[in-house]
Amino acid sequence: MNVCIPVNEDIGLRSPVCAHLGSAPMFLMVDTGSEACRAISNDHQHHEHGTCSPLAALVGENIDLMIVAGIGQGAMNKLVAAGIRVCLTEGPTVAEVMSAFRAGTLRAVPPDMVCCNHGHAGH
C-alpha cells in the first residue's frame, strides 16, 4: 500500500508531519510493506485560501491513503473525488504515523476536523 504524508522536511521516517496538507513543503510517499520513503516537492504550497491543489504535486503517483494532521475542505473534496482515503494523525513524525497505521488506530478525518480556513485553531 502506498501512503502519502505531508511533511516539513525529508529525513525519512524521522520527517516531521506538517500541520496542514496544503502548506506542506513536500510529501513523503511510504510503502507500507518495506517502509521505503520517497519525497515529492510541493510546488503548490503557497496558495490563496480555498485553492489548495495537493493533487497537482502528486500527479501520476499511486496513492492509496493520505494521512494528515490538518486539511481544508477543498483539498479533502479533491482527494475523496480522486478515490484517495484520508485519515487523521496526531503523530509528530512519519515513524509514529506508520506505527499508528500498523496498529490500526488511524481514523478517517471527521467533518468537524476539516478546516474552514488556514488559521484553524488546530493548525
PDB file of N, CA and C in Angstrom:
ATOM      1  N   MET A   1       0.847  -1.176   0.000  1.00  0.00           N
ATOM      2  CA  MET A   1       0.000   0.000   0.000  1.00  0.00           C
ATOM      3  C   MET A   1       0.895   1.243   0.000  1.00  0.00           C
ATOM      4  N   ASN A   2       0.480   2.244  -0.754  1.00  0.00           N
ATOM      5  CA  ASN A   2       1.232   3.499  -0.817  1.00  0.00           C
ATOM      6  C   ASN A   2       0.536   4.570   0.021  1.00  0.00           C
ATOM      7  N   VAL A   3       1.258   5.069   1.006  1.00  0.00           N
ATOM      8  CA  VAL A   3       0.747   6.095   1.906  1.00  0.00           C
ATOM      9  C   VAL A   3       1.476   7.395   1.611  1.00  0.00           C
ATOM     10  N   CYS A   4       0.730   8.499   1.608  1.00  0.00           N
ATOM     11  CA  CYS A   4       1.312   9.814   1.383  1.00  0.00           C
ATOM     12  C   CYS A   4       1.087  10.660   2.637  1.00  0.00           C
ATOM     13  N   ILE A   5       2.162  11.304   3.108  1.00  0.00           N
ATOM     14  CA  ILE A   5       2.091  12.102   4.325  1.00  0.00           C
ATOM     15  C   ILE A   5       2.730  13.466   4.054  1.00  0.00           C
ATOM     16  N   PRO A   6       2.031  14.572   4.310  1.00  0.00           N
ATOM     17  CA  PRO A   6       2.641  15.892   4.152  1.00  0.00           C
ATOM     18  C   PRO A   6       3.671  16.111   5.263  1.00  0.00           C
ATOM     19  N   VAL A   7       4.878  16.535   4.881  1.00  0.00           N
ATOM     20  CA  VAL A   7       5.954  16.720   5.854  1.00  0.00           C
ATOM     21  C   VAL A   7       6.632  18.076   5.667  1.00  0.00           C
ATOM     22  N   ASN A   8       7.351  18.482   6.715  1.00  0.00           N
ATOM     23  CA  ASN A   8       8.081  19.760   6.691  1.00  0.00           C
ATOM     24  C   ASN A   8       9.461  19.641   6.076  1.00  0.00           C
ATOM     25  N   GLU A   9      10.074  18.445   6.196  1.00  0.00           N
ATOM     26  CA  GLU A   9      11.389  18.203   5.606  1.00  0.00           C
ATOM     27  C   GLU A   9      11.563  16.703   5.408  1.00  0.00           C
ATOM     28  N   ASP A  10      12.493  16.340   4.531  1.00  0.00           N
ATOM     29  CA  ASP A  10      12.717  14.935   4.226  1.00  0.00           C
ATOM     30  C   ASP A  10      13.886  14.390   5.031  1.00  0.00           C
ATOM     31  N   ILE A  11      13.561  13.702   6.111  1.00  0.00           N
ATOM     32  CA  ILE A  11      14.577  12.951   6.859  1.00  0.00           C
ATOM     33  C   ILE A  11      14.038  11.531   7.115  1.00  0.00           C
ATOM     34  N   GLY A  12      13.450  10.995   6.042  1.00  0.00           N
ATOM     35  CA  GLY A  12      12.933   9.631   6.109  1.00  0.00           C
ATOM     36  C   GLY A  12      11.845   9.480   7.147  1.00  0.00           C
ATOM     37  N   LEU A  13      11.876   8.385   7.872  1.00  0.00           N
ATOM     38  CA  LEU A  13      10.847   8.112   8.879  1.00  0.00           C
ATOM     39  C   LEU A  13      10.872   9.112  10.030  1.00  0.00           C
ATOM     40  N   ARG A  14      11.960   9.850  10.170  1.00  0.00           N
ATOM     41  CA  ARG A  14      12.032  10.879  11.219  1.00  0.00           C
ATOM     42  C   ARG A  14      11.451  12.221  10.765  1.00  0.00           C
ATOM     43  N   SER A  15      10.959  12.286   9.543  1.00  0.00           N
ATOM     44  CA  SER A  15      10.409  13.531   8.999  1.00  0.00           C
ATOM     45  C   SER A  15       9.245  14.027   9.850  1.00  0.00           C
ATOM     46  N   PRO A  16       9.240  15.338  10.161  1.00  0.00           N
ATOM     47  CA  PRO A  16       8.127  15.895  10.933  1.00  0.00           C
ATOM     48  C   PRO A  16       6.893  16.096  10.053  1.00  0.00           C
ATOM     49  N   VAL A  17       5.757  15.668  10.569  1.00  0.00           N
ATOM     50  CA  VAL A  17       4.493  15.813   9.855  1.00  0.00           C
ATOM     51  C   VAL A  17       4.107  17.286   9.831  1.00  0.00           C
ATOM     52  N   CYS A  18       3.710  17.783   8.666  1.00  0.00           N
ATOM     53  CA  CYS A  18       3.264  19.165   8.525  1.00  0.00           C
ATOM     54  C   CYS A  18       1.854  19.303   9.108  1.00  0.00           C
ATOM     55  N   ALA A  19       1.585  20.423   9.760  1.00  0.00           N
ATOM     56  CA  ALA A  19       0.296  20.642  10.419  1.00  0.00           C
ATOM     57  C   ALA A  19      -0.860  20.776   9.436  1.00  0.00           C
ATOM     58  N   HIS A  20      -0.588  21.139   8.194  1.00  0.00           N
ATOM     59  CA  HIS A  20      -1.677  21.332   7.230  1.00  0.00           C
ATOM     60  C   HIS A  20      -1.243  20.846   5.853  1.00  0.00           C
ATOM     61  N   LEU A  21      -2.034  20.004   5.265  1.00  0.00           N
ATOM     62  CA  LEU A  21      -1.726  19.404   3.969  1.00  0.00           C
ATOM     63  C   LEU A  21      -1.288  20.433   2.933  1.00  0.00           C
ATOM     64  N   GLY A  22      -2.076  21.462   2.727  1.00  0.00           N
ATOM     65  CA  GLY A  22      -1.812  22.421   1.664  1.00  0.00           C
ATOM     66  C   GLY A  22      -0.571  23.264   1.859  1.00  0.00           C
ATOM     67  N   SER A  23      -0.084  23.378   3.086  1.00  0.00           N
ATOM     68  CA  SER A  23       1.102  24.187   3.374  1.00  0.00           C
ATOM     69  C   SER A  23       2.381  23.372   3.439  1.00  0.00           C
ATOM     70  N   ALA A  24       2.279  22.084   3.209  1.00  0.00           N
ATOM     71  CA  ALA A  24       3.445  21.205   3.313  1.00  0.00           C
ATOM     72  C   ALA A  24       4.457  21.500   2.214  1.00  0.00           C
ATOM     73  N   PRO A  25       5.729  21.669   2.570  1.00  0.00           N
ATOM     74  CA  PRO A  25       6.761  21.870   1.556  1.00  0.00           C
ATOM     75  C   PRO A  25       6.974  20.632   0.689  1.00  0.00           C
ATOM     76  N   MET A  26       6.603  19.474   1.226  1.00  0.00           N
ATOM     77  CA  MET A  26       6.776  18.232   0.476  1.00  0.00           C
ATOM     78  C   MET A  26       5.865  17.148   1.039  1.00  0.00           C
ATOM     79  N   PHE A  27       5.777  16.085   0.275  1.00  0.00           N
ATOM     80  CA  PHE A  27       5.022  14.905   0.677  1.00  0.00           C
ATOM     81  C   PHE A  27       5.982  13.740   0.732  1.00  0.00           C
ATOM     82  N   LEU A  28       5.791  12.857   1.698  1.00  0.00           N
ATOM     83  CA  LEU A  28       6.609  11.657   1.786  1.00  0.00           C
ATOM     84  C   LEU A  28       5.734  10.471   1.409  1.00  0.00           C
ATOM     85  N   MET A  29       6.139   9.774   0.362  1.00  0.00           N
ATOM     86  CA  MET A  29       5.462   8.550  -0.047  1.00  0.00           C
ATOM     87  C   MET A  29       6.121   7.409   0.726  1.00  0.00           C
ATOM     88  N   VAL A  30       5.308   6.606   1.380  1.00  0.00           N
ATOM     89  CA  VAL A  30       5.822   5.486   2.171  1.00  0.00           C
ATOM     90  C   VAL A  30       5.156   4.200   1.701  1.00  0.00           C
ATOM     91  N   ASP A  31       5.967   3.226   1.359  1.00  0.00           N
ATOM     92  CA  ASP A  31       5.481   1.897   1.012  1.00  0.00           C
ATOM     93  C   ASP A  31       5.276   1.161   2.335  1.00  0.00           C
ATOM     94  N   THR A  32       4.037   0.743   2.623  1.00  0.00           N
ATOM     95  CA  THR A  32       3.759   0.139   3.924  1.00  0.00           C
ATOM     96  C   THR A  32       4.414  -1.223   4.108  1.00  0.00           C
ATOM     97  N   GLY A  33       4.776  -1.876   3.020  1.00  0.00           N
ATOM     98  CA  GLY A  33       5.439  -3.175   3.126  1.00  0.00           C
ATOM     99  C   GLY A  33       6.891  -3.043   3.547  1.00  0.00           C
ATOM    100  N   SER A  34       7.613  -2.160   2.873  1.00  0.00           N
ATOM    101  CA  SER A  34       9.049  -2.016   3.129  1.00  0.00           C
ATOM    102  C   SER A  34       9.401  -0.787   3.963  1.00  0.00           C
ATOM    103  N   GLU A  35       8.433   0.139   4.094  1.00  0.00           N
ATOM    104  CA  GLU A  35       8.636   1.440   4.723  1.00  0.00           C
ATOM    105  C   GLU A  35       9.699   2.273   4.001  1.00  0.00           C
ATOM    106  N   ALA A  36       9.920   1.963   2.724  1.00  0.00           N
ATOM    107  CA  ALA A  36      10.789   2.796   1.895  1.00  0.00           C
ATOM    108  C   ALA A  36      10.099   4.138   1.704  1.00  0.00           C
ATOM    109  N   CYS A  37      10.881   5.206   1.779  1.00  0.00           N
ATOM    110  CA  CYS A  37      10.350   6.570   1.691  1.00  0.00           C
ATOM    111  C   CYS A  37      10.903   7.286   0.464  1.00  0.00           C
ATOM    112  N   ARG A  38      10.042   8.122  -0.126  1.00  0.00           N
ATOM    113  CA  ARG A  38      10.456   8.951  -1.256  1.00  0.00           C
ATOM    114  C   ARG A  38       9.757  10.292  -1.133  1.00  0.00           C
ATOM    115  N   ALA A  39      10.531  11.381  -1.176  1.00  0.00           N
ATOM    116  CA  ALA A  39       9.965  12.726  -1.037  1.00  0.00           C
ATOM    117  C   ALA A  39       9.556  13.288  -2.392  1.00  0.00           C
ATOM    118  N   ILE A  40       8.445  14.039  -2.378  1.00  0.00           N
ATOM    119  CA  ILE A  40       7.943  14.739  -3.558  1.00  0.00           C
ATOM    120  C   ILE A  40       7.749  16.194  -3.159  1.00  0.00           C
ATOM    121  N   SER A  41       8.392  17.094  -3.875  1.00  0.00           N
ATOM    122  CA  SER A  41       8.285  18.518  -3.588  1.00  0.00           C
ATOM    123  C   SER A  41       6.875  19.028  -3.886  1.00  0.00           C
ATOM    124  N   ASN A  42       6.376  19.927  -3.034  1.00  0.00           N
ATOM    125  CA  ASN A  42       5.060  20.539  -3.234  1.00  0.00           C
ATOM    126  C   ASN A  42       5.254  21.966  -3.725  1.00  0.00           C
ATOM    127  N   ASP A  43       5.220  22.157  -5.020  1.00  0.00           N
ATOM    128  CA  ASP A  43       5.372  23.489  -5.597  1.00  0.00           C
ATOM    129  C   ASP A  43       4.098  24.310  -5.468  1.00  0.00           C
ATOM    130  N   HIS A  44       3.053  23.728  -4.895  1.00  0.00           N
ATOM    131  CA  HIS A  44       1.764  24.400  -4.768  1.00  0.00           C
ATOM    132  C   HIS A  44       1.450  24.749  -3.317  1.00  0.00           C
ATOM    133  N   GLN A  45       2.477  24.856  -2.475  1.00  0.00           N
ATOM    134  CA  GLN A  45       2.227  25.100  -1.054  1.00  0.00           C
ATOM    135  C   GLN A  45       1.782  26.523  -0.756  1.00  0.00           C
ATOM    136  N   HIS A  46       2.103  27.475  -1.612  1.00  0.00           N
ATOM    137  CA  HIS A  46       1.707  28.865  -1.403  1.00  0.00           C
ATOM    138  C   HIS A  46       0.491  29.133  -2.272  1.00  0.00           C
ATOM    139  N   HIS A  47      -0.651  29.323  -1.626  1.00  0.00           N
ATOM    140  CA  HIS A  47      -1.882  29.474  -2.377  1.00  0.00           C
ATOM    141  C   HIS A  47      -2.876  30.326  -1.595  1.00  0.00           C
ATOM    142  N   GLU A  48      -3.862  30.830  -2.302  1.00  0.00           N
ATOM    143  CA  GLU A  48      -4.952  31.571  -1.680  1.00  0.00           C
ATOM    144  C   GLU A  48      -5.847  30.571  -0.967  1.00  0.00           C
ATOM    145  N   HIS A  49      -6.500  31.030   0.070  1.00  0.00           N
ATOM    146  CA  HIS A  49      -7.419  30.167   0.803  1.00  0.00           C
ATOM    147  C   HIS A  49      -8.438  29.558  -0.158  1.00  0.00           C
ATOM    148  N   GLY A  50      -8.635  28.255  -0.031  1.00  0.00           N
ATOM    149  CA  GLY A  50      -9.618  27.565  -0.855  1.00  0.00           C
ATOM    150  C   GLY A  50      -9.096  27.082  -2.193  1.00  0.00           C
ATOM    151  N   THR A  51      -7.832  27.389  -2.499  1.00  0.00           N
ATOM    152  CA  THR A  51      -7.294  26.965  -3.792  1.00  0.00           C
ATOM    153  C   THR A  51      -6.192  25.918  -3.641  1.00  0.00           C
ATOM    154  N   CYS A  52      -6.162  25.262  -2.513  1.00  0.00           N
ATOM    155  CA  CYS A  52      -5.177  24.218  -2.272  1.00  0.00           C
ATOM    156  C   CYS A  52      -5.296  23.155  -3.360  1.00  0.00           C
ATOM    157  N   SER A  53      -4.173  22.789  -3.937  1.00  0.00           N
ATOM    158  CA  SER A  53      -4.190  21.809  -5.022  1.00  0.00           C
ATOM    159  C   SER A  53      -3.154  20.717  -4.772  1.00  0.00           C
ATOM    160  N   PRO A  54      -3.361  19.901  -3.735  1.00  0.00           N
ATOM    161  CA  PRO A  54      -2.363  18.893  -3.399  1.00  0.00           C
ATOM    162  C   PRO A  54      -2.144  17.866  -4.498  1.00  0.00           C
ATOM    163  N   LEU A  55      -3.169  17.585  -5.269  1.00  0.00           N
ATOM    164  CA  LEU A  55      -3.018  16.580  -6.308  1.00  0.00           C
ATOM    165  C   LEU A  55      -2.131  17.051  -7.448  1.00  0.00           C
ATOM    166  N   ALA A  56      -1.967  18.365  -7.606  1.00  0.00           N
ATOM    167  CA  ALA A  56      -1.107  18.881  -8.675  1.00  0.00           C
ATOM    168  C   ALA A  56       0.333  18.408  -8.485  1.00  0.00           C
ATOM    169  N   ALA A  57       0.797  18.376  -7.249  1.00  0.00           N
ATOM    170  CA  ALA A  57       2.158  17.922  -6.964  1.00  0.00           C
ATOM    171  C   ALA A  57       2.264  16.398  -7.020  1.00  0.00           C
ATOM    172  N   LEU A  58       1.121  15.733  -6.963  1.00  0.00           N
ATOM    173  CA  LEU A  58       1.115  14.274  -6.850  1.00  0.00           C
ATOM    174  C   LEU A  58       0.600  13.572  -8.105  1.00  0.00           C
ATOM    175  N   VAL A  59       0.531  14.313  -9.203  1.00  0.00           N
ATOM    176  CA  VAL A  59       0.062  13.741 -10.470  1.00  0.00           C
ATOM    177  C   VAL A  59       0.920  12.525 -10.833  1.00  0.00           C
ATOM    178  N   GLY A  60       0.267  11.457 -11.182  1.00  0.00           N
ATOM    179  CA  GLY A  60       0.965  10.242 -11.604  1.00  0.00           C
ATOM    180  C   GLY A  60       1.367   9.321 -10.463  1.00  0.00           C
ATOM    181  N   GLU A  61       1.157   9.759  -9.231  1.00  0.00           N
ATOM    182  CA  GLU A  61       1.507   8.925  -8.078  1.00  0.00           C
ATOM    183  C   GLU A  61       0.353   7.980  -7.757  1.00  0.00           C
ATOM    184  N   ASN A  62       0.673   6.777  -7.343  1.00  0.00           N
ATOM    185  CA  ASN A  62      -0.317   5.798  -6.926  1.00  0.00           C
ATOM    186  C   ASN A  62      -0.467   5.911  -5.417  1.00  0.00           C
ATOM    187  N   ILE A  63      -1.511   6.595  -4.979  1.00  0.00           N
ATOM    188  CA  ILE A  63      -1.722   6.847  -3.547  1.00  0.00           C
ATOM    189  C   ILE A  63      -2.970   6.113  -3.098  1.00  0.00           C
ATOM    190  N   ASP A  64      -2.803   5.262  -2.091  1.00  0.00           N
ATOM    191  CA  ASP A  64      -3.938   4.547  -1.522  1.00  0.00           C
ATOM    192  C   ASP A  64      -4.531   5.284  -0.336  1.00  0.00           C
ATOM    193  N   LEU A  65      -3.666   5.986   0.406  1.00  0.00           N
ATOM    194  CA  LEU A  65      -4.090   6.632   1.642  1.00  0.00           C
ATOM    195  C   LEU A  65      -3.276   7.898   1.870  1.00  0.00           C
ATOM    196  N   MET A  66      -3.957   8.998   2.191  1.00  0.00           N
ATOM    197  CA  MET A  66      -3.304  10.247   2.586  1.00  0.00           C
ATOM    198  C   MET A  66      -3.513  10.366   4.093  1.00  0.00           C
ATOM    199  N   ILE A  67      -2.427  10.579   4.830  1.00  0.00           N
ATOM    200  CA  ILE A  67      -2.527  10.724   6.280  1.00  0.00           C
ATOM    201  C   ILE A  67      -2.108  12.144   6.624  1.00  0.00           C
ATOM    202  N   VAL A  68      -3.008  12.899   7.259  1.00  0.00           N
ATOM    203  CA  VAL A  68      -2.787  14.319   7.506  1.00  0.00           C
ATOM    204  C   VAL A  68      -2.980  14.682   8.973  1.00  0.00           C
ATOM    205  N   ALA A  69      -2.383  15.812   9.350  1.00  0.00           N
ATOM    206  CA  ALA A  69      -2.634  16.387  10.669  1.00  0.00           C
ATOM    207  C   ALA A  69      -3.731  17.444  10.563  1.00  0.00           C
ATOM    208  N   GLY A  70      -3.881  18.029   9.374  1.00  0.00           N
ATOM    209  CA  GLY A  70      -4.906  19.031   9.119  1.00  0.00           C
ATOM    210  C   GLY A  70      -5.154  19.141   7.631  1.00  0.00           C
ATOM    211  N   ILE A  71      -6.401  19.466   7.274  1.00  0.00           N
ATOM    212  CA  ILE A  71      -6.771  19.534   5.857  1.00  0.00           C
ATOM    213  C   ILE A  71      -7.969  20.460   5.699  1.00  0.00           C
ATOM    214  N   GLY A  72      -7.988  21.203   4.611  1.00  0.00           N
ATOM    215  CA  GLY A  72      -9.122  22.064   4.288  1.00  0.00           C
ATOM    216  C   GLY A  72     -10.175  21.302   3.508  1.00  0.00           C
ATOM    217  N   GLN A  73     -11.370  21.887   3.450  1.00  0.00           N
ATOM    218  CA  GLN A  73     -12.485  21.230   2.779  1.00  0.00           C
ATOM    219  C   GLN A  73     -12.228  21.015   1.291  1.00  0.00           C
ATOM    220  N   GLY A  74     -11.629  22.006   0.629  1.00  0.00           N
ATOM    221  CA  GLY A  74     -11.370  21.877  -0.809  1.00  0.00           C
ATOM    222  C   GLY A  74     -10.434  20.724  -1.111  1.00  0.00           C
ATOM    223  N   ALA A  75      -9.340  20.637  -0.365  1.00  0.00           N
ATOM    224  CA  ALA A  75      -8.383  19.548  -0.571  1.00  0.00           C
ATOM    225  C   ALA A  75      -9.021  18.206  -0.237  1.00  0.00           C
ATOM    226  N   MET A  76      -9.802  18.175   0.820  1.00  0.00           N
ATOM    227  CA  MET A  76     -10.485  16.933   1.208  1.00  0.00           C
ATOM    228  C   MET A  76     -11.398  16.468   0.075  1.00  0.00           C
ATOM    229  N   ASN A  77     -12.175  17.394  -0.480  1.00  0.00           N
ATOM    230  CA  ASN A  77     -13.083  17.050  -1.575  1.00  0.00           C
ATOM    231  C   ASN A  77     -12.325  16.504  -2.778  1.00  0.00           C
ATOM    232  N   LYS A  78     -11.190  17.130  -3.121  1.00  0.00           N
ATOM    233  CA  LYS A  78     -10.404  16.702  -4.280  1.00  0.00           C
ATOM    234  C   LYS A  78      -9.816  15.312  -4.074  1.00  0.00           C
ATOM    235  N   LEU A  79      -9.326  15.041  -2.878  1.00  0.00           N
ATOM    236  CA  LEU A  79      -8.752  13.723  -2.600  1.00  0.00           C
ATOM    237  C   LEU A  79      -9.826  12.636  -2.631  1.00  0.00           C
ATOM    238  N   VAL A  80     -10.953  12.898  -2.000  1.00  0.00           N
ATOM    239  CA  VAL A  80     -12.043  11.926  -1.993  1.00  0.00           C
ATOM    240  C   VAL A  80     -12.550  11.674  -3.414  1.00  0.00           C
ATOM    241  N   ALA A  81     -12.675  12.745  -4.217  1.00  0.00           N
ATOM    242  CA  ALA A  81     -13.115  12.601  -5.606  1.00  0.00           C
ATOM    243  C   ALA A  81     -12.130  11.762  -6.422  1.00  0.00           C
ATOM    244  N   ALA A  82     -10.849  11.799  -6.035  1.00  0.00           N
ATOM    245  CA  ALA A  82      -9.831  11.014  -6.733  1.00  0.00           C
ATOM    246  C   ALA A  82      -9.752   9.584  -6.200  1.00  0.00           C
ATOM    247  N   GLY A  83     -10.614   9.258  -5.241  1.00  0.00           N
ATOM    248  CA  GLY A  83     -10.639   7.906  -4.692  1.00  0.00           C
ATOM    249  C   GLY A  83      -9.562   7.627  -3.661  1.00  0.00           C
ATOM    250  N   ILE A  84      -9.018   8.689  -3.073  1.00  0.00           N
ATOM    251  CA  ILE A  84      -7.959   8.533  -2.072  1.00  0.00           C
ATOM    252  C   ILE A  84      -8.569   8.663  -0.680  1.00  0.00           C
ATOM    253  N   ARG A  85      -8.380   7.640   0.139  1.00  0.00           N
ATOM    254  CA  ARG A  85      -8.841   7.697   1.532  1.00  0.00           C
ATOM    255  C   ARG A  85      -7.983   8.694   2.292  1.00  0.00           C
ATOM    256  N   VAL A  86      -8.577   9.376   3.272  1.00  0.00           N
ATOM    257  CA  VAL A  86      -7.863  10.381   4.058  1.00  0.00           C
ATOM    258  C   VAL A  86      -8.071  10.073   5.532  1.00  0.00           C
ATOM    259  N   CYS A  87      -6.955   9.923   6.259  1.00  0.00           N
ATOM    260  CA  CYS A  87      -7.011   9.665   7.695  1.00  0.00           C
ATOM    261  C   CYS A  87      -6.279  10.765   8.454  1.00  0.00           C
ATOM    262  N   LEU A  88      -6.658  10.897   9.702  1.00  0.00           N
ATOM    263  CA  LEU A  88      -6.115  11.916  10.586  1.00  0.00           C
ATOM    264  C   LEU A  88      -5.057  11.312  11.504  1.00  0.00           C
ATOM    265  N   THR A  89      -3.999  12.071  11.746  1.00  0.00           N
ATOM    266  CA  THR A  89      -2.973  11.625  12.681  1.00  0.00           C
ATOM    267  C   THR A  89      -2.625  12.738  13.655  1.00  0.00           C
ATOM    268  N   GLU A  90      -2.182  12.349  14.826  1.00  0.00           N
ATOM    269  CA  GLU A  90      -1.634  13.291  15.792  1.00  0.00           C
ATOM    270  C   GLU A  90      -0.149  13.019  15.987  1.00  0.00           C
ATOM    271  N   GLY A  91       0.375  12.021  15.272  1.00  0.00           N
ATOM    272  CA  GLY A  91       1.788  11.669  15.375  1.00  0.00           C
ATOM    273  C   GLY A  91       2.668  12.772  14.826  1.00  0.00           C
ATOM    274  N   PRO A  92       3.707  13.152  15.557  1.00  0.00           N
ATOM    275  CA  PRO A  92       4.570  14.250  15.116  1.00  0.00           C
ATOM    276  C   PRO A  92       5.589  13.862  14.043  1.00  0.00           C
ATOM    277  N   THR A  93       5.847  12.564  13.878  1.00  0.00           N
ATOM    278  CA  THR A  93       6.814  12.120  12.869  1.00  0.00           C
ATOM    279  C   THR A  93       6.201  11.017  12.013  1.00  0.00           C
ATOM    280  N   VAL A  94       6.791  10.808  10.860  1.00  0.00           N
ATOM    281  CA  VAL A  94       6.320   9.755   9.962  1.00  0.00           C
ATOM    282  C   VAL A  94       6.427   8.392  10.645  1.00  0.00           C
ATOM    283  N   ALA A  95       7.477   8.161  11.423  1.00  0.00           N
ATOM    284  CA  ALA A  95       7.627   6.882  12.132  1.00  0.00           C
ATOM    285  C   ALA A  95       6.439   6.623  13.049  1.00  0.00           C
ATOM    286  N   GLU A  96       6.003   7.654  13.771  1.00  0.00           N
ATOM    287  CA  GLU A  96       4.863   7.481  14.676  1.00  0.00           C
ATOM    288  C   GLU A  96       3.553   7.315  13.899  1.00  0.00           C
ATOM    289  N   VAL A  97       3.444   7.987  12.775  1.00  0.00           N
ATOM    290  CA  VAL A  97       2.277   7.823  11.908  1.00  0.00           C
ATOM    291  C   VAL A  97       2.205   6.381  11.412  1.00  0.00           C
ATOM    292  N   MET A  98       3.331   5.853  10.965  1.00  0.00           N
ATOM    293  CA  MET A  98       3.352   4.491  10.455  1.00  0.00           C
ATOM    294  C   MET A  98       3.098   3.472  11.563  1.00  0.00           C
ATOM    295  N   SER A  99       3.534   3.766  12.761  1.00  0.00           N
ATOM    296  CA  SER A  99       3.250   2.896  13.898  1.00  0.00           C
ATOM    297  C   SER A  99       1.741   2.854  14.162  1.00  0.00           C
ATOM    298  N   ALA A 100       1.085   4.016  14.110  1.00  0.00           N
ATOM    299  CA  ALA A 100      -0.367   4.079  14.297  1.00  0.00           C
ATOM    300  C   ALA A 100      -1.078   3.353  13.151  1.00  0.00           C
ATOM    301  N   PHE A 101      -0.546   3.478  11.946  1.00  0.00           N
ATOM    302  CA  PHE A 101      -1.122   2.776  10.794  1.00  0.00           C
ATOM    303  C   PHE A 101      -1.074   1.263  11.034  1.00  0.00           C
ATOM    304  N   ARG A 102       0.092   0.758  11.416  1.00  0.00           N
ATOM    305  CA  ARG A 102       0.247  -0.684  11.660  1.00  0.00           C
ATOM    306  C   ARG A 102      -0.653  -1.158  12.800  1.00  0.00           C
ATOM    307  N   ALA A 103      -0.850  -0.301  13.806  1.00  0.00           N
ATOM    308  CA  ALA A 103      -1.691  -0.660  14.954  1.00  0.00           C
ATOM    309  C   ALA A 103      -3.182  -0.546  14.631  1.00  0.00           C
ATOM    310  N   GLY A 104      -3.502   0.072  13.499  1.00  0.00           N
ATOM    311  CA  GLY A 104      -4.901   0.228  13.115  1.00  0.00           C
ATOM    312  C   GLY A 104      -5.634   1.307  13.894  1.00  0.00           C
ATOM    313  N   THR A 105      -4.888   2.288  14.425  1.00  0.00           N
ATOM    314  CA  THR A 105      -5.519   3.315  15.253  1.00  0.00           C
ATOM    315  C   THR A 105      -5.814   4.621  14.518  1.00  0.00           C
ATOM    316  N   LEU A 106      -5.468   4.697  13.235  1.00  0.00           N
ATOM    317  CA  LEU A 106      -5.799   5.900  12.474  1.00  0.00           C
ATOM    318  C   LEU A 106      -7.297   5.909  12.196  1.00  0.00           C
ATOM    319  N   ARG A 107      -7.879   7.107  12.107  1.00  0.00           N
ATOM    320  CA  ARG A 107      -9.298   7.203  11.806  1.00  0.00           C
ATOM    321  C   ARG A 107      -9.523   8.167  10.653  1.00  0.00           C
ATOM    322  N   ALA A 108     -10.623   7.974   9.968  1.00  0.00           N
ATOM    323  CA  ALA A 108     -10.972   8.877   8.879  1.00  0.00           C
ATOM    324  C   ALA A 108     -11.122  10.289   9.434  1.00  0.00           C
ATOM    325  N   VAL A 109     -10.837  11.286   8.608  1.00  0.00           N
ATOM    326  CA  VAL A 109     -10.967  12.681   9.036  1.00  0.00           C
ATOM    327  C   VAL A 109     -12.451  12.966   9.245  1.00  0.00           C
ATOM    328  N   PRO A 110     -12.853  13.297  10.490  1.00  0.00           N
ATOM    329  CA  PRO A 110     -14.264  13.614  10.729  1.00  0.00           C
ATOM    330  C   PRO A 110     -14.597  15.010  10.182  1.00  0.00           C
ATOM    331  N   PRO A 111     -15.840  15.237   9.759  1.00  0.00           N
ATOM    332  CA  PRO A 111     -16.217  16.521   9.173  1.00  0.00           C
ATOM    333  C   PRO A 111     -15.889  17.732  10.049  1.00  0.00           C
ATOM    334  N   ASP A 112     -15.964  17.592  11.362  1.00  0.00           N
ATOM    335  CA  ASP A 112     -15.692  18.743  12.234  1.00  0.00           C
ATOM    336  C   ASP A 112     -14.197  19.045  12.370  1.00  0.00           C
ATOM    337  N   MET A 113     -13.346  18.213  11.797  1.00  0.00           N
ATOM    338  CA  MET A 113     -11.897  18.452  11.851  1.00  0.00           C
ATOM    339  C   MET A 113     -11.365  19.081  10.568  1.00  0.00           C
ATOM    340  N   VAL A 114     -12.239  19.253   9.566  1.00  0.00           N
ATOM    341  CA  VAL A 114     -11.822  19.893   8.319  1.00  0.00           C
ATOM    342  C   VAL A 114     -11.791  21.389   8.563  1.00  0.00           C
ATOM    343  N   CYS A 115     -10.690  22.018   8.188  1.00  0.00           N
ATOM    344  CA  CYS A 115     -10.507  23.447   8.434  1.00  0.00           C
ATOM    345  C   CYS A 115     -11.446  24.298   7.601  1.00  0.00           C
ATOM    346  N   CYS A 116     -11.889  25.381   8.194  1.00  0.00           N
ATOM    347  CA  CYS A 116     -12.667  26.378   7.457  1.00  0.00           C
ATOM    348  C   CYS A 116     -11.731  27.424   6.878  1.00  0.00           C
ATOM    349  N   ASN A 117     -10.560  27.560   7.497  1.00  0.00           N
ATOM    350  CA  ASN A 117      -9.536  28.490   6.986  1.00  0.00           C
ATOM    351  C   ASN A 117      -8.185  28.049   7.496  1.00  0.00           C
ATOM    352  N   HIS A 118      -7.153  28.631   6.982  1.00  0.00           N
ATOM    353  CA  HIS A 118      -5.796  28.203   7.343  1.00  0.00           C
ATOM    354  C   HIS A 118      -5.384  28.669   8.721  1.00  0.00           C
ATOM    355  N   GLY A 119      -6.199  29.435   9.378  1.00  0.00           N
ATOM    356  CA  GLY A 119      -5.898  29.871  10.738  1.00  0.00           C
ATOM    357  C   GLY A 119      -6.621  29.040  11.764  1.00  0.00           C
ATOM    358  N   HIS A 120      -7.150  27.884  11.350  1.00  0.00           N
ATOM    359  CA  HIS A 120      -7.889  26.999  12.242  1.00  0.00           C
ATOM    360  C   HIS A 120      -7.090  26.747  13.505  1.00  0.00           C
ATOM    361  N   ALA A 121      -7.753  26.727  14.629  1.00  0.00           N
ATOM    362  CA  ALA A 121      -7.076  26.583  15.913  1.00  0.00           C
ATOM    363  C   ALA A 121      -6.249  25.313  16.004  1.00  0.00           C
ATOM    364  N   GLY A 122      -6.605  24.289  15.255  1.00  0.00           N
ATOM    365  CA  GLY A 122      -5.873  23.034  15.333  1.00  0.00           C
ATOM    366  C   GLY A 122      -4.585  23.028  14.547  1.00  0.00           C
ATOM    367  N   HIS A 123      -4.276  24.134  13.867  1.00  0.00           N
ATOM    368  CA  HIS A 123      -3.099  24.133  12.999  1.00  0.00           C
ATOM    369  C   HIS A 123      -2.191  25.264  13.331  1.00  0.00           C
TER     370      HIS A 123
END
